[in-house]
Amino acid sequence: MAIIDVYVTFPNADEARRVSRELIKKRLIACANIHPVESIYRWKGKVEETFEVAAHMKARKSGWRKLKEEIGRLHPYEVPCIIMHEATANKSYIDWVRKETA
């Protein structure tokens, strides 16, 4: 089974936890690692510098489409960052992701 790491940014830790909990309850992700990040980007013609929170979410590759749609539905941003990376891992971790997203 292939797994993915989905990188998503949020305006704050409360939003990251809220969305992550919902995705775990729905078994779309096995876990989320949440950490602060500093972001610099152009938005509506202006360069912005903000503190955000990023989450790395581990999931099944086969669930990517549904996961992406659900993150978009739950996310507070007008244009959320939802980036998927295919990942390899040790067998016991892959087995755990499979079990938690069944």
PDB file of N, CA and C in Angstrom:
ATOM      1  N   MET A   1       0.839  -1.185   0.000  1.00  0.00           N
ATOM      2  CA  MET A   1       0.000   0.000   0.000  1.00  0.00           C
ATOM      3  C   MET A   1       0.878   1.239   0.000  1.00  0.00           C
ATOM      4  N   ALA A   2       0.523   2.189  -0.834  1.00  0.00           N
ATOM      5  CA  ALA A   2       1.246   3.464  -0.877  1.00  0.00           C
ATOM      6  C   ALA A   2       0.639   4.426   0.133  1.00  0.00           C
ATOM      7  N   ILE A   3       1.516   5.192   0.794  1.00  0.00           N
ATOM      8  CA  ILE A   3       1.028   6.219   1.712  1.00  0.00           C
ATOM      9  C   ILE A   3       1.462   7.587   1.202  1.00  0.00           C
ATOM     10  N   ILE A   4       0.792   8.602   1.729  1.00  0.00           N
ATOM     11  CA  ILE A   4       1.091   9.975   1.355  1.00  0.00           C
ATOM     12  C   ILE A   4       1.252  10.829   2.610  1.00  0.00           C
ATOM     13  N   ASP A   5       1.989  11.911   2.447  1.00  0.00           N
ATOM     14  CA  ASP A   5       2.119  12.945   3.465  1.00  0.00           C
ATOM     15  C   ASP A   5       1.503  14.187   2.845  1.00  0.00           C
ATOM     16  N   VAL A   6       0.453  14.688   3.450  1.00  0.00           N
ATOM     17  CA  VAL A   6      -0.257  15.845   2.915  1.00  0.00           C
ATOM     18  C   VAL A   6       0.086  17.051   3.789  1.00  0.00           C
ATOM     19  N   TYR A   7       0.667  18.070   3.152  1.00  0.00           N
ATOM     20  CA  TYR A   7       1.100  19.292   3.828  1.00  0.00           C
ATOM     21  C   TYR A   7       0.005  20.344   3.656  1.00  0.00           C
ATOM     22  N   VAL A   8      -0.475  20.877   4.793  1.00  0.00           N
ATOM     23  CA  VAL A   8      -1.560  21.866   4.771  1.00  0.00           C
ATOM     24  C   VAL A   8      -1.206  22.977   5.755  1.00  0.00           C
ATOM     25  N   THR A   9      -1.372  24.237   5.337  1.00  0.00           N
ATOM     26  CA  THR A   9      -1.145  25.354   6.252  1.00  0.00           C
ATOM     27  C   THR A   9      -2.484  25.901   6.745  1.00  0.00           C
ATOM     28  N   PHE A  10      -2.441  26.441   7.971  1.00  0.00           N
ATOM     29  CA  PHE A  10      -3.634  26.973   8.641  1.00  0.00           C
ATOM     30  C   PHE A  10      -3.304  28.312   9.287  1.00  0.00           C
ATOM     31  N   PRO A  11      -4.317  29.122   9.589  1.00  0.00           N
ATOM     32  CA  PRO A  11      -4.058  30.414  10.221  1.00  0.00           C
ATOM     33  C   PRO A  11      -3.602  30.301  11.674  1.00  0.00           C
ATOM     34  N   ASN A  12      -3.935  29.188  12.338  1.00  0.00           N
ATOM     35  CA  ASN A  12      -3.560  29.018  13.746  1.00  0.00           C
ATOM     36  C   ASN A  12      -3.691  27.549  14.153  1.00  0.00           C
ATOM     37  N   ALA A  13      -3.178  27.225  15.333  1.00  0.00           N
ATOM     38  CA  ALA A  13      -3.176  25.840  15.816  1.00  0.00           C
ATOM     39  C   ALA A  13      -4.585  25.309  16.072  1.00  0.00           C
ATOM     40  N   ASP A  14      -5.484  26.163  16.532  1.00  0.00           N
ATOM     41  CA  ASP A  14      -6.854  25.709  16.788  1.00  0.00           C
ATOM     42  C   ASP A  14      -7.509  25.190  15.513  1.00  0.00           C
ATOM     43  N   GLU A  15      -7.327  25.907  14.404  1.00  0.00           N
ATOM     44  CA  GLU A  15      -7.897  25.465  13.125  1.00  0.00           C
ATOM     45  C   GLU A  15      -7.231  24.181  12.643  1.00  0.00           C
ATOM     46  N   ALA A  16      -5.912  24.095  12.789  1.00  0.00           N
ATOM     47  CA  ALA A  16      -5.195  22.883  12.377  1.00  0.00           C
ATOM     48  C   ALA A  16      -5.684  21.674  13.178  1.00  0.00           C
ATOM     49  N   ARG A  17      -5.854  21.853  14.476  1.00  0.00           N
ATOM     50  CA  ARG A  17      -6.347  20.745  15.315  1.00  0.00           C
ATOM     51  C   ARG A  17      -7.785  20.393  14.969  1.00  0.00           C
ATOM     52  N   ARG A  18      -8.622  21.392  14.751  1.00  0.00           N
ATOM     53  CA  ARG A  18     -10.037  21.137  14.430  1.00  0.00           C
ATOM     54  C   ARG A  18     -10.162  20.300  13.156  1.00  0.00           C
ATOM     55  N   VAL A  19      -9.468  20.723  12.109  1.00  0.00           N
ATOM     56  CA  VAL A  19      -9.543  20.005  10.838  1.00  0.00           C
ATOM     57  C   VAL A  19      -8.914  18.622  10.977  1.00  0.00           C
ATOM     58  N   SER A  20      -7.774  18.526  11.640  1.00  0.00           N
ATOM     59  CA  SER A  20      -7.108  17.231  11.806  1.00  0.00           C
ATOM     60  C   SER A  20      -7.973  16.249  12.579  1.00  0.00           C
ATOM     61  N   ARG A  21      -8.583  16.699  13.653  1.00  0.00           N
ATOM     62  CA  ARG A  21      -9.472  15.813  14.431  1.00  0.00           C
ATOM     63  C   ARG A  21     -10.624  15.289  13.571  1.00  0.00           C
ATOM     64  N   GLU A  22     -11.207  16.173  12.796  1.00  0.00           N
ATOM     65  CA  GLU A  22     -12.325  15.777  11.931  1.00  0.00           C
ATOM     66  C   GLU A  22     -11.880  14.727  10.910  1.00  0.00           C
ATOM     67  N   LEU A  23     -10.717  14.918  10.331  1.00  0.00           N
ATOM     68  CA  LEU A  23     -10.209  13.971   9.341  1.00  0.00           C
ATOM     69  C   LEU A  23      -9.858  12.626   9.973  1.00  0.00           C
ATOM     70  N   ILE A  24      -9.344  12.659  11.200  1.00  0.00           N
ATOM     71  CA  ILE A  24      -9.053  11.410  11.910  1.00  0.00           C
ATOM     72  C   ILE A  24     -10.354  10.693  12.246  1.00  0.00           C
ATOM     73  N   LYS A  25     -11.360  11.417  12.730  1.00  0.00           N
ATOM     74  CA  LYS A  25     -12.663  10.804  13.029  1.00  0.00           C
ATOM     75  C   LYS A  25     -13.252  10.122  11.807  1.00  0.00           C
ATOM     76  N   LYS A  26     -13.065  10.717  10.638  1.00  0.00           N
ATOM     77  CA  LYS A  26     -13.596  10.161   9.391  1.00  0.00           C
ATOM     78  C   LYS A  26     -12.678   9.105   8.785  1.00  0.00           C
ATOM     79  N   ARG A  27     -11.561   8.823   9.470  1.00  0.00           N
ATOM     80  CA  ARG A  27     -10.561   7.842   9.030  1.00  0.00           C
ATOM     81  C   ARG A  27      -9.938   8.185   7.680  1.00  0.00           C
ATOM     82  N   LEU A  28      -9.869   9.481   7.366  1.00  0.00           N
ATOM     83  CA  LEU A  28      -9.217   9.917   6.144  1.00  0.00           C
ATOM     84  C   LEU A  28      -7.713  10.084   6.335  1.00  0.00           C
ATOM     85  N   ILE A  29      -7.280  10.316   7.574  1.00  0.00           N
ATOM     86  CA  ILE A  29      -5.859  10.361   7.906  1.00  0.00           C
ATOM     87  C   ILE A  29      -5.613   9.516   9.148  1.00  0.00           C
ATOM     88  N   ALA A  30      -4.367   9.047   9.278  1.00  0.00           N
ATOM     89  CA  ALA A  30      -3.994   8.288  10.469  1.00  0.00           C
ATOM     90  C   ALA A  30      -3.499   9.211  11.573  1.00  0.00           C
ATOM     91  N   CYS A  31      -2.828  10.298  11.177  1.00  0.00           N
ATOM     92  CA  CYS A  31      -2.315  11.244  12.170  1.00  0.00           C
ATOM     93  C   CYS A  31      -1.965  12.565  11.495  1.00  0.00           C
ATOM     94  N   ALA A  32      -1.717  13.561  12.331  1.00  0.00           N
ATOM     95  CA  ALA A  32      -1.266  14.867  11.842  1.00  0.00           C
ATOM     96  C   ALA A  32      -0.203  15.388  12.791  1.00  0.00           C
ATOM     97  N   ASN A  33       0.891  15.870  12.241  1.00  0.00           N
ATOM     98  CA  ASN A  33       1.931  16.550  13.014  1.00  0.00           C
ATOM     99  C   ASN A  33       1.758  18.037  12.750  1.00  0.00           C
ATOM    100  N   ILE A  34       1.596  18.811  13.813  1.00  0.00           N
ATOM    101  CA  ILE A  34       1.275  20.231  13.698  1.00  0.00           C
ATOM    102  C   ILE A  34       2.436  21.049  14.265  1.00  0.00           C
ATOM    103  N   HIS A  35       2.880  22.060  13.483  1.00  0.00           N
ATOM    104  CA  HIS A  35       4.006  22.876  13.934  1.00  0.00           C
ATOM    105  C   HIS A  35       3.911  24.286  13.356  1.00  0.00           C
ATOM    106  N   PRO A  36       4.506  25.267  14.053  1.00  0.00           N
ATOM    107  CA  PRO A  36       4.462  26.651  13.575  1.00  0.00           C
ATOM    108  C   PRO A  36       5.396  26.863  12.387  1.00  0.00           C
ATOM    109  N   VAL A  37       4.994  27.758  11.493  1.00  0.00           N
ATOM    110  CA  VAL A  37       5.829  28.149  10.349  1.00  0.00           C
ATOM    111  C   VAL A  37       5.687  29.648  10.127  1.00  0.00           C
ATOM    112  N   GLU A  38       6.701  30.237   9.542  1.00  0.00           N
ATOM    113  CA  GLU A  38       6.633  31.629   9.119  1.00  0.00           C
ATOM    114  C   GLU A  38       6.491  31.619   7.606  1.00  0.00           C
ATOM    115  N   SER A  39       5.490  32.313   7.097  1.00  0.00           N
ATOM    116  CA  SER A  39       5.210  32.305   5.666  1.00  0.00           C
ATOM    117  C   SER A  39       5.371  33.693   5.061  1.00  0.00           C
ATOM    118  N   ILE A  40       5.964  33.727   3.873  1.00  0.00           N
ATOM    119  CA  ILE A  40       6.096  34.954   3.086  1.00  0.00           C
ATOM    120  C   ILE A  40       5.515  34.634   1.719  1.00  0.00           C
ATOM    121  N   TYR A  41       4.548  35.432   1.278  1.00  0.00           N
ATOM    122  CA  TYR A  41       3.857  35.127   0.025  1.00  0.00           C
ATOM    123  C   TYR A  41       3.205  36.391  -0.524  1.00  0.00           C
ATOM    124  N   ARG A  42       2.844  36.335  -1.797  1.00  0.00           N
ATOM    125  CA  ARG A  42       2.119  37.447  -2.409  1.00  0.00           C
ATOM    126  C   ARG A  42       0.633  37.095  -2.372  1.00  0.00           C
ATOM    127  N   TRP A  43      -0.197  38.020  -1.897  1.00  0.00           N
ATOM    128  CA  TRP A  43      -1.637  37.820  -1.834  1.00  0.00           C
ATOM    129  C   TRP A  43      -2.334  39.101  -2.254  1.00  0.00           C
ATOM    130  N   LYS A  44      -3.107  39.010  -3.320  1.00  0.00           N
ATOM    131  CA  LYS A  44      -3.867  40.144  -3.847  1.00  0.00           C
ATOM    132  C   LYS A  44      -2.971  41.365  -4.083  1.00  0.00           C
ATOM    133  N   GLY A  45      -1.807  41.096  -4.701  1.00  0.00           N
ATOM    134  CA  GLY A  45      -0.910  42.159  -5.102  1.00  0.00           C
ATOM    135  C   GLY A  45       0.020  42.695  -4.028  1.00  0.00           C
ATOM    136  N   LYS A  46      -0.024  42.135  -2.835  1.00  0.00           N
ATOM    137  CA  LYS A  46       0.795  42.632  -1.735  1.00  0.00           C
ATOM    138  C   LYS A  46       1.616  41.488  -1.146  1.00  0.00           C
ATOM    139  N   VAL A  47       2.874  41.770  -0.799  1.00  0.00           N
ATOM    140  CA  VAL A  47       3.704  40.762  -0.141  1.00  0.00           C
ATOM    141  C   VAL A  47       3.312  40.701   1.334  1.00  0.00           C
ATOM    142  N   GLU A  48       2.969  39.509   1.791  1.00  0.00           N
ATOM    143  CA  GLU A  48       2.534  39.286   3.169  1.00  0.00           C
ATOM    144  C   GLU A  48       3.587  38.474   3.919  1.00  0.00           C
ATOM    145  N   GLU A  49       3.722  38.722   5.193  1.00  0.00           N
ATOM    146  CA  GLU A  49       4.562  37.917   6.078  1.00  0.00           C
ATOM    147  C   GLU A  49       3.721  37.601   7.294  1.00  0.00           C
ATOM    148  N   THR A  50       3.445  36.317   7.495  1.00  0.00           N
ATOM    149  CA  THR A  50       2.575  35.906   8.594  1.00  0.00           C
ATOM    150  C   THR A  50       3.108  34.654   9.277  1.00  0.00           C
ATOM    151  N   PHE A  51       2.640  34.435  10.477  1.00  0.00           N
ATOM    152  CA  PHE A  51       2.896  33.183  11.182  1.00  0.00           C
ATOM    153  C   PHE A  51       1.677  32.313  10.969  1.00  0.00           C
ATOM    154  N   GLU A  52       1.918  31.105  10.540  1.00  0.00           N
ATOM    155  CA  GLU A  52       0.856  30.133  10.314  1.00  0.00           C
ATOM    156  C   GLU A  52       1.212  28.852  11.065  1.00  0.00           C
ATOM    157  N   VAL A  53       0.385  27.866  10.889  1.00  0.00           N
ATOM    158  CA  VAL A  53       0.628  26.547  11.441  1.00  0.00           C
ATOM    159  C   VAL A  53       0.509  25.566  10.291  1.00  0.00           C
ATOM    160  N   ALA A  54       1.464  24.645  10.207  1.00  0.00           N
ATOM    161  CA  ALA A  54       1.434  23.632   9.156  1.00  0.00           C
ATOM    162  C   ALA A  54       1.132  22.270   9.770  1.00  0.00           C
ATOM    163  N   ALA A  55       0.434  21.462   9.010  1.00  0.00           N
ATOM    164  CA  ALA A  55       0.169  20.087   9.430  1.00  0.00           C
ATOM    165  C   ALA A  55       0.671  19.145   8.347  1.00  0.00           C
ATOM    166  N   HIS A  56       1.357  18.100   8.782  1.00  0.00           N
ATOM    167  CA  HIS A  56       1.728  16.987   7.904  1.00  0.00           C
ATOM    168  C   HIS A  56       0.788  15.853   8.268  1.00  0.00           C
ATOM    169  N   MET A  57      -0.040  15.461   7.321  1.00  0.00           N
ATOM    170  CA  MET A  57      -1.066  14.445   7.554  1.00  0.00           C
ATOM    171  C   MET A  57      -0.701  13.172   6.803  1.00  0.00           C
ATOM    172  N   LYS A  58      -0.723  12.034   7.507  1.00  0.00           N
ATOM    173  CA  LYS A  58      -0.385  10.756   6.882  1.00  0.00           C
ATOM    174  C   LYS A  58      -1.650  10.010   6.530  1.00  0.00           C
ATOM    175  N   ALA A  59      -1.691   9.499   5.288  1.00  0.00           N
ATOM    176  CA  ALA A  59      -2.916   8.865   4.790  1.00  0.00           C
ATOM    177  C   ALA A  59      -2.582   7.844   3.711  1.00  0.00           C
ATOM    178  N   ARG A  60      -3.613   7.146   3.258  1.00  0.00           N
ATOM    179  CA  ARG A  60      -3.490   6.228   2.128  1.00  0.00           C
ATOM    180  C   ARG A  60      -3.514   7.035   0.834  1.00  0.00           C
ATOM    181  N   LYS A  61      -2.693   6.638  -0.117  1.00  0.00           N
ATOM    182  CA  LYS A  61      -2.703   7.315  -1.418  1.00  0.00           C
ATOM    183  C   LYS A  61      -4.067   7.149  -2.087  1.00  0.00           C
ATOM    184  N   SER A  62      -4.686   5.999  -1.904  1.00  0.00           N
ATOM    185  CA  SER A  62      -5.983   5.742  -2.533  1.00  0.00           C
ATOM    186  C   SER A  62      -7.078   6.669  -2.020  1.00  0.00           C
ATOM    187  N   GLY A  63      -6.870   7.302  -0.865  1.00  0.00           N
ATOM    188  CA  GLY A  63      -7.860   8.218  -0.309  1.00  0.00           C
ATOM    189  C   GLY A  63      -7.600   9.675  -0.616  1.00  0.00           C
ATOM    190  N   TRP A  64      -6.599   9.962  -1.469  1.00  0.00           N
ATOM    191  CA  TRP A  64      -6.183  11.338  -1.739  1.00  0.00           C
ATOM    192  C   TRP A  64      -7.321  12.221  -2.223  1.00  0.00           C
ATOM    193  N   ARG A  65      -8.083  11.780  -3.197  1.00  0.00           N
ATOM    194  CA  ARG A  65      -9.132  12.632  -3.773  1.00  0.00           C
ATOM    195  C   ARG A  65     -10.158  13.042  -2.708  1.00  0.00           C
ATOM    196  N   LYS A  66     -10.639  12.084  -1.946  1.00  0.00           N
ATOM    197  CA  LYS A  66     -11.633  12.381  -0.911  1.00  0.00           C
ATOM    198  C   LYS A  66     -11.025  13.257   0.187  1.00  0.00           C
ATOM    199  N   LEU A  67      -9.778  12.973   0.563  1.00  0.00           N
ATOM    200  CA  LEU A  67      -9.102  13.763   1.588  1.00  0.00           C
ATOM    201  C   LEU A  67      -8.953  15.216   1.154  1.00  0.00           C
ATOM    202  N   LYS A  68      -8.501  15.422  -0.072  1.00  0.00           N
ATOM    203  CA  LYS A  68      -8.318  16.780  -0.607  1.00  0.00           C
ATOM    204  C   LYS A  68      -9.647  17.543  -0.606  1.00  0.00           C
ATOM    205  N   GLU A  69     -10.708  16.888  -1.017  1.00  0.00           N
ATOM    206  CA  GLU A  69     -12.023  17.539  -1.040  1.00  0.00           C
ATOM    207  C   GLU A  69     -12.487  17.898   0.369  1.00  0.00           C
ATOM    208  N   GLU A  70     -12.276  17.002   1.314  1.00  0.00           N
ATOM    209  CA  GLU A  70     -12.725  17.248   2.688  1.00  0.00           C
ATOM    210  C   GLU A  70     -11.911  18.363   3.341  1.00  0.00           C
ATOM    211  N   ILE A  71     -10.608  18.394   3.109  1.00  0.00           N
ATOM    212  CA  ILE A  71      -9.794  19.492   3.638  1.00  0.00           C
ATOM    213  C   ILE A  71     -10.305  20.816   3.067  1.00  0.00           C
ATOM    214  N   GLY A  72     -10.552  20.863   1.767  1.00  0.00           N
ATOM    215  CA  GLY A  72     -11.067  22.080   1.145  1.00  0.00           C
ATOM    216  C   GLY A  72     -12.397  22.520   1.733  1.00  0.00           C
ATOM    217  N   ARG A  73     -13.252  21.573   2.060  1.00  0.00           N
ATOM    218  CA  ARG A  73     -14.556  21.883   2.644  1.00  0.00           C
ATOM    219  C   ARG A  73     -14.418  22.442   4.067  1.00  0.00           C
ATOM    220  N   LEU A  74     -13.486  21.885   4.836  1.00  0.00           N
ATOM    221  CA  LEU A  74     -13.326  22.265   6.239  1.00  0.00           C
ATOM    222  C   LEU A  74     -12.416  23.483   6.451  1.00  0.00           C
ATOM    223  N   HIS A  75     -11.595  23.794   5.477  1.00  0.00           N
ATOM    224  CA  HIS A  75     -10.538  24.791   5.649  1.00  0.00           C
ATOM    225  C   HIS A  75     -11.084  26.221   5.640  1.00  0.00           C
ATOM    226  N   PRO A  76     -10.527  27.099   6.500  1.00  0.00           N
ATOM    227  CA  PRO A  76     -11.022  28.481   6.558  1.00  0.00           C
ATOM    228  C   PRO A  76     -10.480  29.398   5.462  1.00  0.00           C
ATOM    229  N   TYR A  77      -9.390  29.032   4.794  1.00  0.00           N
ATOM    230  CA  TYR A  77      -8.807  29.919   3.782  1.00  0.00           C
ATOM    231  C   TYR A  77      -9.594  29.892   2.475  1.00  0.00           C
ATOM    232  N   GLU A  78      -9.571  31.017   1.792  1.00  0.00           N
ATOM    233  CA  GLU A  78     -10.159  31.120   0.453  1.00  0.00           C
ATOM    234  C   GLU A  78      -9.401  30.220  -0.529  1.00  0.00           C
ATOM    235  N   VAL A  79      -8.071  30.191  -0.382  1.00  0.00           N
ATOM    236  CA  VAL A  79      -7.213  29.351  -1.229  1.00  0.00           C
ATOM    237  C   VAL A  79      -6.269  28.559  -0.304  1.00  0.00           C
ATOM    238  N   PRO A  80      -6.713  27.404   0.170  1.00  0.00           N
ATOM    239  CA  PRO A  80      -5.854  26.638   1.076  1.00  0.00           C
ATOM    240  C   PRO A  80      -4.684  25.980   0.347  1.00  0.00           C
ATOM    241  N   CYS A  81      -3.588  25.817   1.059  1.00  0.00           N
ATOM    242  CA  CYS A  81      -2.421  25.073   0.564  1.00  0.00           C
ATOM    243  C   CYS A  81      -2.641  23.610   0.943  1.00  0.00           C
ATOM    244  N   ILE A  82      -2.815  22.756  -0.045  1.00  0.00           N
ATOM    245  CA  ILE A  82      -2.999  21.321   0.178  1.00  0.00           C
ATOM    246  C   ILE A  82      -2.051  20.616  -0.794  1.00  0.00           C
ATOM    247  N   ILE A  83      -0.913  20.160  -0.290  1.00  0.00           N
ATOM    248  CA  ILE A  83       0.120  19.558  -1.139  1.00  0.00           C
ATOM    249  C   ILE A  83       0.329  18.109  -0.724  1.00  0.00           C
ATOM    250  N   MET A  84       0.307  17.211  -1.709  1.00  0.00           N
ATOM    251  CA  MET A  84       0.478  15.785  -1.449  1.00  0.00           C
ATOM    252  C   MET A  84       1.857  15.330  -1.905  1.00  0.00           C
ATOM    253  N   HIS A  85       2.536  14.611  -1.010  1.00  0.00           N
ATOM    254  CA  HIS A  85       3.815  13.978  -1.329  1.00  0.00           C
ATOM    255  C   HIS A  85       3.655  12.474  -1.140  1.00  0.00           C
ATOM    256  N   GLU A  86       4.059  11.707  -2.142  1.00  0.00           N
ATOM    257  CA  GLU A  86       4.077  10.263  -1.948  1.00  0.00           C
ATOM    258  C   GLU A  86       5.213   9.940  -0.992  1.00  0.00           C
ATOM    259  N   ALA A  87       5.006   8.929  -0.159  1.00  0.00           N
ATOM    260  CA  ALA A  87       6.001   8.608   0.860  1.00  0.00           C
ATOM    261  C   ALA A  87       6.251   7.107   0.934  1.00  0.00           C
ATOM    262  N   THR A  88       7.434   6.785   1.375  1.00  0.00           N
ATOM    263  CA  THR A  88       7.757   5.409   1.716  1.00  0.00           C
ATOM    264  C   THR A  88       8.039   5.390   3.203  1.00  0.00           C
ATOM    265  N   ALA A  89       7.824   4.250   3.818  1.00  0.00           N
ATOM    266  CA  ALA A  89       8.023   4.151   5.261  1.00  0.00           C
ATOM    267  C   ALA A  89       8.300   2.700   5.628  1.00  0.00           C
ATOM    268  N   ASN A  90       8.656   2.513   6.881  1.00  0.00           N
ATOM    269  CA  ASN A  90       8.855   1.159   7.375  1.00  0.00           C
ATOM    270  C   ASN A  90       7.519   0.417   7.378  1.00  0.00           C
ATOM    271  N   LYS A  91       7.584  -0.914   7.225  1.00  0.00           N
ATOM    272  CA  LYS A  91       6.385  -1.737   7.085  1.00  0.00           C
ATOM    273  C   LYS A  91       5.429  -1.566   8.267  1.00  0.00           C
ATOM    274  N   SER A  92       5.945  -1.525   9.480  1.00  0.00           N
ATOM    275  CA  SER A  92       5.056  -1.411  10.637  1.00  0.00           C
ATOM    276  C   SER A  92       4.280  -0.087  10.616  1.00  0.00           C
ATOM    277  N   TYR A  93       4.910   0.981  10.145  1.00  0.00           N
ATOM    278  CA  TYR A  93       4.211   2.267  10.058  1.00  0.00           C
ATOM    279  C   TYR A  93       3.150   2.225   8.964  1.00  0.00           C
ATOM    280  N   ILE A  94       3.495   1.665   7.819  1.00  0.00           N
ATOM    281  CA  ILE A  94       2.515   1.533   6.736  1.00  0.00           C
ATOM    282  C   ILE A  94       1.330   0.700   7.203  1.00  0.00           C
ATOM    283  N   ASP A  95       1.596  -0.382   7.911  1.00  0.00           N
ATOM    284  CA  ASP A  95       0.517  -1.227   8.450  1.00  0.00           C
ATOM    285  C   ASP A  95      -0.365  -0.426   9.401  1.00  0.00           C
ATOM    286  N   TRP A  96       0.249   0.417  10.219  1.00  0.00           N
ATOM    287  CA  TRP A  96      -0.522   1.242  11.162  1.00  0.00           C
ATOM    288  C   TRP A  96      -1.405   2.243  10.414  1.00  0.00           C
ATOM    289  N   VAL A  97      -0.848   2.922   9.399  1.00  0.00           N
ATOM    290  CA  VAL A  97      -1.639   3.864   8.599  1.00  0.00           C
ATOM    291  C   VAL A  97      -2.802   3.130   7.965  1.00  0.00           C
ATOM    292  N   ARG A  98      -2.562   1.955   7.405  1.00  0.00           N
ATOM    293  CA  ARG A  98      -3.618   1.158   6.778  1.00  0.00           C
ATOM    294  C   ARG A  98      -4.732   0.854   7.800  1.00  0.00           C
ATOM    295  N   LYS A  99      -4.337   0.416   8.980  1.00  0.00           N
ATOM    296  CA  LYS A  99      -5.319   0.073  10.029  1.00  0.00           C
ATOM    297  C   LYS A  99      -6.136   1.289  10.447  1.00  0.00           C
ATOM    298  N   GLU A 100      -5.493   2.430  10.628  1.00  0.00           N
ATOM    299  CA  GLU A 100      -6.174   3.627  11.141  1.00  0.00           C
ATOM    300  C   GLU A 100      -7.030   4.325  10.099  1.00  0.00           C
ATOM    301  N   THR A 101      -6.832   4.004   8.835  1.00  0.00           N
ATOM    302  CA  THR A 101      -7.619   4.639   7.774  1.00  0.00           C
ATOM    303  C   THR A 101      -8.569   3.651   7.093  1.00  0.00           C
ATOM    304  N   ALA A 102      -8.783   2.524   7.745  1.00  0.00           N
ATOM    305  CA  ALA A 102      -9.666   1.491   7.180  1.00  0.00           C
ATOM    306  C   ALA A 102     -11.125   1.854   7.410  1.00  0.00           C
TER     307      ALA A 102
END
